[in-house]
Amino acid sequence: MPYFIYRITERPLKLLSKLEEHEIYRNASARVKELRAEHAQDTNTTIKMIHAETELQAEDLLNEIRERQPELGDD
């Protein structure tokens, strides 16, 4: 399964832009770190890597609304 790299823009709308696709985790991870450094000043942009079978599945996973994980002291 490939690793997809996306640029996510939150405002004014959530937009997903596929940047790259890699077969090897190490290459994808290194590239994500480079892209995050390049976009560090842009507060509306997030760079994410996702492991999925297809581009469609990757976008579905990125659009999922996930519940906040409970933390120690949350009662």
PDB file of N, CA and C in Angstrom:
ATOM      1  N   MET A   1       0.846  -1.184   0.000  1.00  0.00           N
ATOM      2  CA  MET A   1       0.000   0.000   0.000  1.00  0.00           C
ATOM      3  C   MET A   1       0.889   1.245   0.000  1.00  0.00           C
ATOM      4  N   PRO A   2       0.510   2.207  -0.787  1.00  0.00           N
ATOM      5  CA  PRO A   2       1.315   3.430  -0.858  1.00  0.00           C
ATOM      6  C   PRO A   2       1.053   4.398   0.293  1.00  0.00           C
ATOM      7  N   TYR A   3       1.969   5.321   0.442  1.00  0.00           N
ATOM      8  CA  TYR A   3       1.860   6.416   1.396  1.00  0.00           C
ATOM      9  C   TYR A   3       1.552   7.673   0.596  1.00  0.00           C
ATOM     10  N   PHE A   4       0.458   8.327   0.933  1.00  0.00           N
ATOM     11  CA  PHE A   4       0.043   9.539   0.239  1.00  0.00           C
ATOM     12  C   PHE A   4       0.380  10.744   1.106  1.00  0.00           C
ATOM     13  N   ILE A   5       0.839  11.800   0.470  1.00  0.00           N
ATOM     14  CA  ILE A   5       1.142  13.042   1.180  1.00  0.00           C
ATOM     15  C   ILE A   5       0.166  14.102   0.688  1.00  0.00           C
ATOM     16  N   TYR A   6      -0.507  14.735   1.648  1.00  0.00           N
ATOM     17  CA  TYR A   6      -1.521  15.745   1.335  1.00  0.00           C
ATOM     18  C   TYR A   6      -1.214  17.063   2.017  1.00  0.00           C
ATOM     19  N   ARG A   7      -1.585  18.144   1.344  1.00  0.00           N
ATOM     20  CA  ARG A   7      -1.617  19.472   1.961  1.00  0.00           C
ATOM     21  C   ARG A   7      -3.076  19.731   2.290  1.00  0.00           C
ATOM     22  N   ILE A   8      -3.361  20.059   3.544  1.00  0.00           N
ATOM     23  CA  ILE A   8      -4.722  20.314   3.992  1.00  0.00           C
ATOM     24  C   ILE A   8      -4.829  21.781   4.377  1.00  0.00           C
ATOM     25  N   THR A   9      -5.730  22.484   3.716  1.00  0.00           N
ATOM     26  CA  THR A   9      -5.989  23.885   4.016  1.00  0.00           C
ATOM     27  C   THR A   9      -7.323  23.954   4.743  1.00  0.00           C
ATOM     28  N   GLU A  10      -7.336  24.560   5.917  1.00  0.00           N
ATOM     29  CA  GLU A  10      -8.527  24.573   6.768  1.00  0.00           C
ATOM     30  C   GLU A  10      -9.470  25.735   6.500  1.00  0.00           C
ATOM     31  N   ARG A  11      -8.950  26.869   6.047  1.00  0.00           N
ATOM     32  CA  ARG A  11      -9.813  28.044   5.899  1.00  0.00           C
ATOM     33  C   ARG A  11      -9.710  28.609   4.512  1.00  0.00           C
ATOM     34  N   PRO A  12     -10.749  29.062   3.913  1.00  0.00           N
ATOM     35  CA  PRO A  12     -12.113  29.160   4.421  1.00  0.00           C
ATOM     36  C   PRO A  12     -12.839  27.812   4.384  1.00  0.00           C
ATOM     37  N   LEU A  13     -12.380  26.877   3.549  1.00  0.00           N
ATOM     38  CA  LEU A  13     -12.944  25.531   3.498  1.00  0.00           C
ATOM     39  C   LEU A  13     -11.827  24.523   3.691  1.00  0.00           C
ATOM     40  N   LYS A  14     -12.188  23.320   4.106  1.00  0.00           N
ATOM     41  CA  LYS A  14     -11.188  22.266   4.216  1.00  0.00           C
ATOM     42  C   LYS A  14     -10.943  21.713   2.820  1.00  0.00           C
ATOM     43  N   LEU A  15      -9.725  21.911   2.330  1.00  0.00           N
ATOM     44  CA  LEU A  15      -9.349  21.434   1.008  1.00  0.00           C
ATOM     45  C   LEU A  15      -8.191  20.461   1.117  1.00  0.00           C
ATOM     46  N   LEU A  16      -8.316  19.322   0.443  1.00  0.00           N
ATOM     47  CA  LEU A  16      -7.244  18.333   0.400  1.00  0.00           C
ATOM     48  C   LEU A  16      -6.571  18.411  -0.961  1.00  0.00           C
ATOM     49  N   SER A  17      -5.261  18.535  -0.960  1.00  0.00           N
ATOM     50  CA  SER A  17      -4.497  18.558  -2.206  1.00  0.00           C
ATOM     51  C   SER A  17      -3.421  17.489  -2.127  1.00  0.00           C
ATOM     52  N   LYS A  18      -3.548  16.471  -2.966  1.00  0.00           N
ATOM     53  CA  LYS A  18      -2.532  15.414  -2.984  1.00  0.00           C
ATOM     54  C   LYS A  18      -1.257  15.989  -3.573  1.00  0.00           C
ATOM     55  N   LEU A  19      -0.159  15.848  -2.843  1.00  0.00           N
ATOM     56  CA  LEU A  19       1.125  16.358  -3.300  1.00  0.00           C
ATOM     57  C   LEU A  19       1.977  15.263  -3.918  1.00  0.00           C
ATOM     58  N   GLU A  20       2.062  14.125  -3.226  1.00  0.00           N
ATOM     59  CA  GLU A  20       2.945  13.055  -3.678  1.00  0.00           C
ATOM     60  C   GLU A  20       2.431  11.700  -3.207  1.00  0.00           C
ATOM     61  N   GLU A  21       3.043  10.664  -3.763  1.00  0.00           N
ATOM     62  CA  GLU A  21       2.735   9.276  -3.393  1.00  0.00           C
ATOM     63  C   GLU A  21       4.057   8.515  -3.370  1.00  0.00           C
ATOM     64  N   HIS A  22       4.285   7.737  -2.302  1.00  0.00           N
ATOM     65  CA  HIS A  22       5.530   6.977  -2.153  1.00  0.00           C
ATOM     66  C   HIS A  22       5.197   5.542  -1.752  1.00  0.00           C
ATOM     67  N   GLU A  23       6.024   4.630  -2.178  1.00  0.00           N
ATOM     68  CA  GLU A  23       5.850   3.222  -1.818  1.00  0.00           C
ATOM     69  C   GLU A  23       6.618   2.859  -0.548  1.00  0.00           C
ATOM     70  N   ILE A  24       7.664   3.606  -0.235  1.00  0.00           N
ATOM     71  CA  ILE A  24       8.534   3.286   0.891  1.00  0.00           C
ATOM     72  C   ILE A  24       8.322   4.314   2.009  1.00  0.00           C
ATOM     73  N   TYR A  25       8.068   3.818   3.208  1.00  0.00           N
ATOM     74  CA  TYR A  25       7.779   4.691   4.353  1.00  0.00           C
ATOM     75  C   TYR A  25       8.897   5.694   4.602  1.00  0.00           C
ATOM     76  N   ARG A  26      10.120   5.243   4.593  1.00  0.00           N
ATOM     77  CA  ARG A  26      11.255   6.115   4.908  1.00  0.00           C
ATOM     78  C   ARG A  26      11.305   7.314   3.951  1.00  0.00           C
ATOM     79  N   ASN A  27      11.079   7.074   2.666  1.00  0.00           N
ATOM     80  CA  ASN A  27      11.084   8.170   1.685  1.00  0.00           C
ATOM     81  C   ASN A  27       9.925   9.134   1.933  1.00  0.00           C
ATOM     82  N   ALA A  28       8.748   8.586   2.211  1.00  0.00           N
ATOM     83  CA  ALA A  28       7.562   9.412   2.460  1.00  0.00           C
ATOM     84  C   ALA A  28       7.754  10.242   3.728  1.00  0.00           C
ATOM     85  N   SER A  29       8.284   9.642   4.762  1.00  0.00           N
ATOM     86  CA  SER A  29       8.494  10.335   6.024  1.00  0.00           C
ATOM     87  C   SER A  29       9.484  11.485   5.864  1.00  0.00           C
ATOM     88  N   ALA A  30      10.563  11.250   5.159  1.00  0.00           N
ATOM     89  CA  ALA A  30      11.564  12.295   4.942  1.00  0.00           C
ATOM     90  C   ALA A  30      10.966  13.452   4.141  1.00  0.00           C
ATOM     91  N   ARG A  31      10.174  13.120   3.141  1.00  0.00           N
ATOM     92  CA  ARG A  31       9.574  14.164   2.306  1.00  0.00           C
ATOM     93  C   ARG A  31       8.553  14.988   3.092  1.00  0.00           C
ATOM     94  N   VAL A  32       7.775  14.342   3.950  1.00  0.00           N
ATOM     95  CA  VAL A  32       6.797  15.052   4.781  1.00  0.00           C
ATOM     96  C   VAL A  32       7.523  16.043   5.689  1.00  0.00           C
ATOM     97  N   LYS A  33       8.634  15.637   6.261  1.00  0.00           N
ATOM     98  CA  LYS A  33       9.398  16.538   7.124  1.00  0.00           C
ATOM     99  C   LYS A  33       9.894  17.752   6.337  1.00  0.00           C
ATOM    100  N   GLU A  34      10.357  17.542   5.110  1.00  0.00           N
ATOM    101  CA  GLU A  34      10.803  18.659   4.271  1.00  0.00           C
ATOM    102  C   GLU A  34       9.644  19.611   3.968  1.00  0.00           C
ATOM    103  N   LEU A  35       8.500  19.049   3.597  1.00  0.00           N
ATOM    104  CA  LEU A  35       7.344  19.874   3.249  1.00  0.00           C
ATOM    105  C   LEU A  35       6.828  20.646   4.461  1.00  0.00           C
ATOM    106  N   ARG A  36       6.834  20.022   5.622  1.00  0.00           N
ATOM    107  CA  ARG A  36       6.388  20.715   6.834  1.00  0.00           C
ATOM    108  C   ARG A  36       7.309  21.891   7.155  1.00  0.00           C
ATOM    109  N   ALA A  37       8.609  21.706   6.945  1.00  0.00           N
ATOM    110  CA  ALA A  37       9.547  22.801   7.184  1.00  0.00           C
ATOM    111  C   ALA A  37       9.295  23.952   6.201  1.00  0.00           C
ATOM    112  N   GLU A  38       8.991  23.614   4.953  1.00  0.00           N
ATOM    113  CA  GLU A  38       8.711  24.630   3.935  1.00  0.00           C
ATOM    114  C   GLU A  38       7.437  25.418   4.251  1.00  0.00           C
ATOM    115  N   HIS A  39       6.438  24.756   4.836  1.00  0.00           N
ATOM    116  CA  HIS A  39       5.148  25.387   5.119  1.00  0.00           C
ATOM    117  C   HIS A  39       4.987  25.786   6.583  1.00  0.00           C
ATOM    118  N   ALA A  40       6.069  25.868   7.312  1.00  0.00           N
ATOM    119  CA  ALA A  40       5.999  26.160   8.749  1.00  0.00           C
ATOM    120  C   ALA A  40       5.357  27.512   9.052  1.00  0.00           C
ATOM    121  N   GLN A  41       5.522  28.485   8.175  1.00  0.00           N
ATOM    122  CA  GLN A  41       4.981  29.828   8.411  1.00  0.00           C
ATOM    123  C   GLN A  41       3.493  29.925   8.111  1.00  0.00           C
ATOM    124  N   ASP A  42       2.955  29.003   7.334  1.00  0.00           N
ATOM    125  CA  ASP A  42       1.547  29.046   6.930  1.00  0.00           C
ATOM    126  C   ASP A  42       0.691  28.347   7.982  1.00  0.00           C
ATOM    127  N   THR A  43      -0.045  29.140   8.776  1.00  0.00           N
ATOM    128  CA  THR A  43      -0.833  28.580   9.873  1.00  0.00           C
ATOM    129  C   THR A  43      -2.117  27.912   9.404  1.00  0.00           C
ATOM    130  N   ASN A  44      -2.540  28.132   8.166  1.00  0.00           N
ATOM    131  CA  ASN A  44      -3.759  27.513   7.644  1.00  0.00           C
ATOM    132  C   ASN A  44      -3.491  26.203   6.918  1.00  0.00           C
ATOM    133  N   THR A  45      -2.240  25.801   6.827  1.00  0.00           N
ATOM    134  CA  THR A  45      -1.880  24.612   6.061  1.00  0.00           C
ATOM    135  C   THR A  45      -1.267  23.552   6.962  1.00  0.00           C
ATOM    136  N   THR A  46      -1.694  22.307   6.747  1.00  0.00           N
ATOM    137  CA  THR A  46      -1.141  21.155   7.439  1.00  0.00           C
ATOM    138  C   THR A  46      -0.673  20.159   6.391  1.00  0.00           C
ATOM    139  N   ILE A  47       0.460  19.532   6.620  1.00  0.00           N
ATOM    140  CA  ILE A  47       0.960  18.487   5.734  1.00  0.00           C
ATOM    141  C   ILE A  47       0.799  17.166   6.476  1.00  0.00           C
ATOM    142  N   LYS A  48       0.108  16.215   5.836  1.00  0.00           N
ATOM    143  CA  LYS A  48      -0.117  14.912   6.468  1.00  0.00           C
ATOM    144  C   LYS A  48       0.234  13.786   5.509  1.00  0.00           C
ATOM    145  N   MET A  49       0.694  12.687   6.106  1.00  0.00           N
ATOM    146  CA  MET A  49       0.957  11.472   5.361  1.00  0.00           C
ATOM    147  C   MET A  49      -0.064  10.435   5.817  1.00  0.00           C
ATOM    148  N   ILE A  50      -0.594   9.682   4.861  1.00  0.00           N
ATOM    149  CA  ILE A  50      -1.579   8.655   5.198  1.00  0.00           C
ATOM    150  C   ILE A  50      -1.278   7.393   4.404  1.00  0.00           C
ATOM    151  N   HIS A  51      -1.437   6.266   5.033  1.00  0.00           N
ATOM    152  CA  HIS A  51      -1.191   4.954   4.421  1.00  0.00           C
ATOM    153  C   HIS A  51      -2.545   4.377   4.038  1.00  0.00           C
ATOM    154  N   ALA A  52      -2.775   4.194   2.746  1.00  0.00           N
ATOM    155  CA  ALA A  52      -4.070   3.708   2.288  1.00  0.00           C
ATOM    156  C   ALA A  52      -3.905   2.931   0.983  1.00  0.00           C
ATOM    157  N   GLU A  53      -4.923   2.148   0.656  1.00  0.00           N
ATOM    158  CA  GLU A  53      -4.865   1.356  -0.573  1.00  0.00           C
ATOM    159  C   GLU A  53      -5.032   2.215  -1.816  1.00  0.00           C
ATOM    160  N   THR A  54      -5.908   3.223  -1.733  1.00  0.00           N
ATOM    161  CA  THR A  54      -6.171   4.084  -2.885  1.00  0.00           C
ATOM    162  C   THR A  54      -6.211   5.541  -2.446  1.00  0.00           C
ATOM    163  N   GLU A  55      -6.163   6.422  -3.427  1.00  0.00           N
ATOM    164  CA  GLU A  55      -6.265   7.848  -3.147  1.00  0.00           C
ATOM    165  C   GLU A  55      -7.628   8.181  -2.537  1.00  0.00           C
ATOM    166  N   LEU A  56      -8.678   7.538  -3.022  1.00  0.00           N
ATOM    167  CA  LEU A  56     -10.020   7.766  -2.484  1.00  0.00           C
ATOM    168  C   LEU A  56     -10.105   7.362  -1.013  1.00  0.00           C
ATOM    169  N   GLN A  57      -9.544   6.213  -0.672  1.00  0.00           N
ATOM    170  CA  GLN A  57      -9.550   5.775   0.727  1.00  0.00           C
ATOM    171  C   GLN A  57      -8.738   6.745   1.593  1.00  0.00           C
ATOM    172  N   ALA A  58      -7.625   7.229   1.079  1.00  0.00           N
ATOM    173  CA  ALA A  58      -6.810   8.187   1.819  1.00  0.00           C
ATOM    174  C   ALA A  58      -7.604   9.450   2.131  1.00  0.00           C
ATOM    175  N   GLU A  59      -8.321   9.958   1.143  1.00  0.00           N
ATOM    176  CA  GLU A  59      -9.120  11.171   1.355  1.00  0.00           C
ATOM    177  C   GLU A  59     -10.269  10.924   2.321  1.00  0.00           C
ATOM    178  N   ASP A  60     -10.885   9.741   2.241  1.00  0.00           N
ATOM    179  CA  ASP A  60     -11.941   9.403   3.207  1.00  0.00           C
ATOM    180  C   ASP A  60     -11.394   9.385   4.630  1.00  0.00           C
ATOM    181  N   LEU A  61     -10.231   8.793   4.818  1.00  0.00           N
ATOM    182  CA  LEU A  61      -9.624   8.724   6.151  1.00  0.00           C
ATOM    183  C   LEU A  61      -9.263  10.123   6.663  1.00  0.00           C
ATOM    184  N   LEU A  62      -8.771  10.971   5.779  1.00  0.00           N
ATOM    185  CA  LEU A  62      -8.409  12.332   6.190  1.00  0.00           C
ATOM    186  C   LEU A  62      -9.631  13.181   6.523  1.00  0.00           C
ATOM    187  N   ASN A  63     -10.778  12.855   5.942  1.00  0.00           N
ATOM    188  CA  ASN A  63     -12.001  13.615   6.200  1.00  0.00           C
ATOM    189  C   ASN A  63     -12.801  13.094   7.380  1.00  0.00           C
ATOM    190  N   GLU A  64     -12.397  11.953   7.953  1.00  0.00           N
ATOM    191  CA  GLU A  64     -13.100  11.405   9.112  1.00  0.00           C
ATOM    192  C   GLU A  64     -13.005  12.361  10.288  1.00  0.00           C
ATOM    193  N   ILE A  65     -14.097  12.500  10.992  1.00  0.00           N
ATOM    194  CA  ILE A  65     -14.098  13.280  12.225  1.00  0.00           C
ATOM    195  C   ILE A  65     -13.847  12.299  13.361  1.00  0.00           C
ATOM    196  N   ARG A  66     -12.719  12.481  14.025  1.00  0.00           N
ATOM    197  CA  ARG A  66     -12.341  11.560  15.086  1.00  0.00           C
ATOM    198  C   ARG A  66     -12.582  12.213  16.434  1.00  0.00           C
ATOM    199  N   GLU A  67     -13.080  11.414  17.366  1.00  0.00           N
ATOM    200  CA  GLU A  67     -13.322  11.917  18.715  1.00  0.00           C
ATOM    201  C   GLU A  67     -11.994  12.141  19.424  1.00  0.00           C
ATOM    202  N   ARG A  68     -11.985  13.145  20.269  1.00  0.00           N
ATOM    203  CA  ARG A  68     -10.807  13.444  21.069  1.00  0.00           C
ATOM    204  C   ARG A  68     -10.562  12.289  22.032  1.00  0.00           C
ATOM    205  N   GLN A  69      -9.310  11.870  22.130  1.00  0.00           N
ATOM    206  CA  GLN A  69      -8.948  10.789  23.033  1.00  0.00           C
ATOM    207  C   GLN A  69      -8.952  11.311  24.469  1.00  0.00           C
ATOM    208  N   PRO A  70      -9.518  10.541  25.407  1.00  0.00           N
ATOM    209  CA  PRO A  70      -9.507  10.979  26.801  1.00  0.00           C
ATOM    210  C   PRO A  70      -8.074  11.067  27.329  1.00  0.00           C
ATOM    211  N   GLU A  71      -7.833  12.055  28.156  1.00  0.00           N
ATOM    212  CA  GLU A  71      -6.517  12.231  28.756  1.00  0.00           C
ATOM    213  C   GLU A  71      -6.616  12.005  30.242  1.00  0.00           C
ATOM    214  N   LEU A  72      -5.488  11.769  30.850  1.00  0.00           N
ATOM    215  CA  LEU A  72      -5.437  11.577  32.278  1.00  0.00           C
ATOM    216  C   LEU A  72      -5.998  12.812  32.962  1.00  0.00           C
ATOM    217  N   GLY A  73      -6.961  12.625  33.853  1.00  0.00           N
ATOM    218  CA  GLY A  73      -7.585  13.729  34.556  1.00  0.00           C
ATOM    219  C   GLY A  73      -8.911  14.155  33.943  1.00  0.00           C
ATOM    220  N   ASP A  74      -9.276  13.611  32.779  1.00  0.00           N
ATOM    221  CA  ASP A  74     -10.599  13.913  32.197  1.00  0.00           C
ATOM    222  C   ASP A  74     -11.647  13.073  32.902  1.00  0.00           C
ATOM    223  N   ASP A  75     -12.448  13.712  33.714  1.00  0.00           N
ATOM    224  CA  ASP A  75     -13.490  12.965  34.442  1.00  0.00           C
ATOM    225  C   ASP A  75     -14.850  13.458  34.049  1.00  0.00           C
TER     226      ASP A  75
END
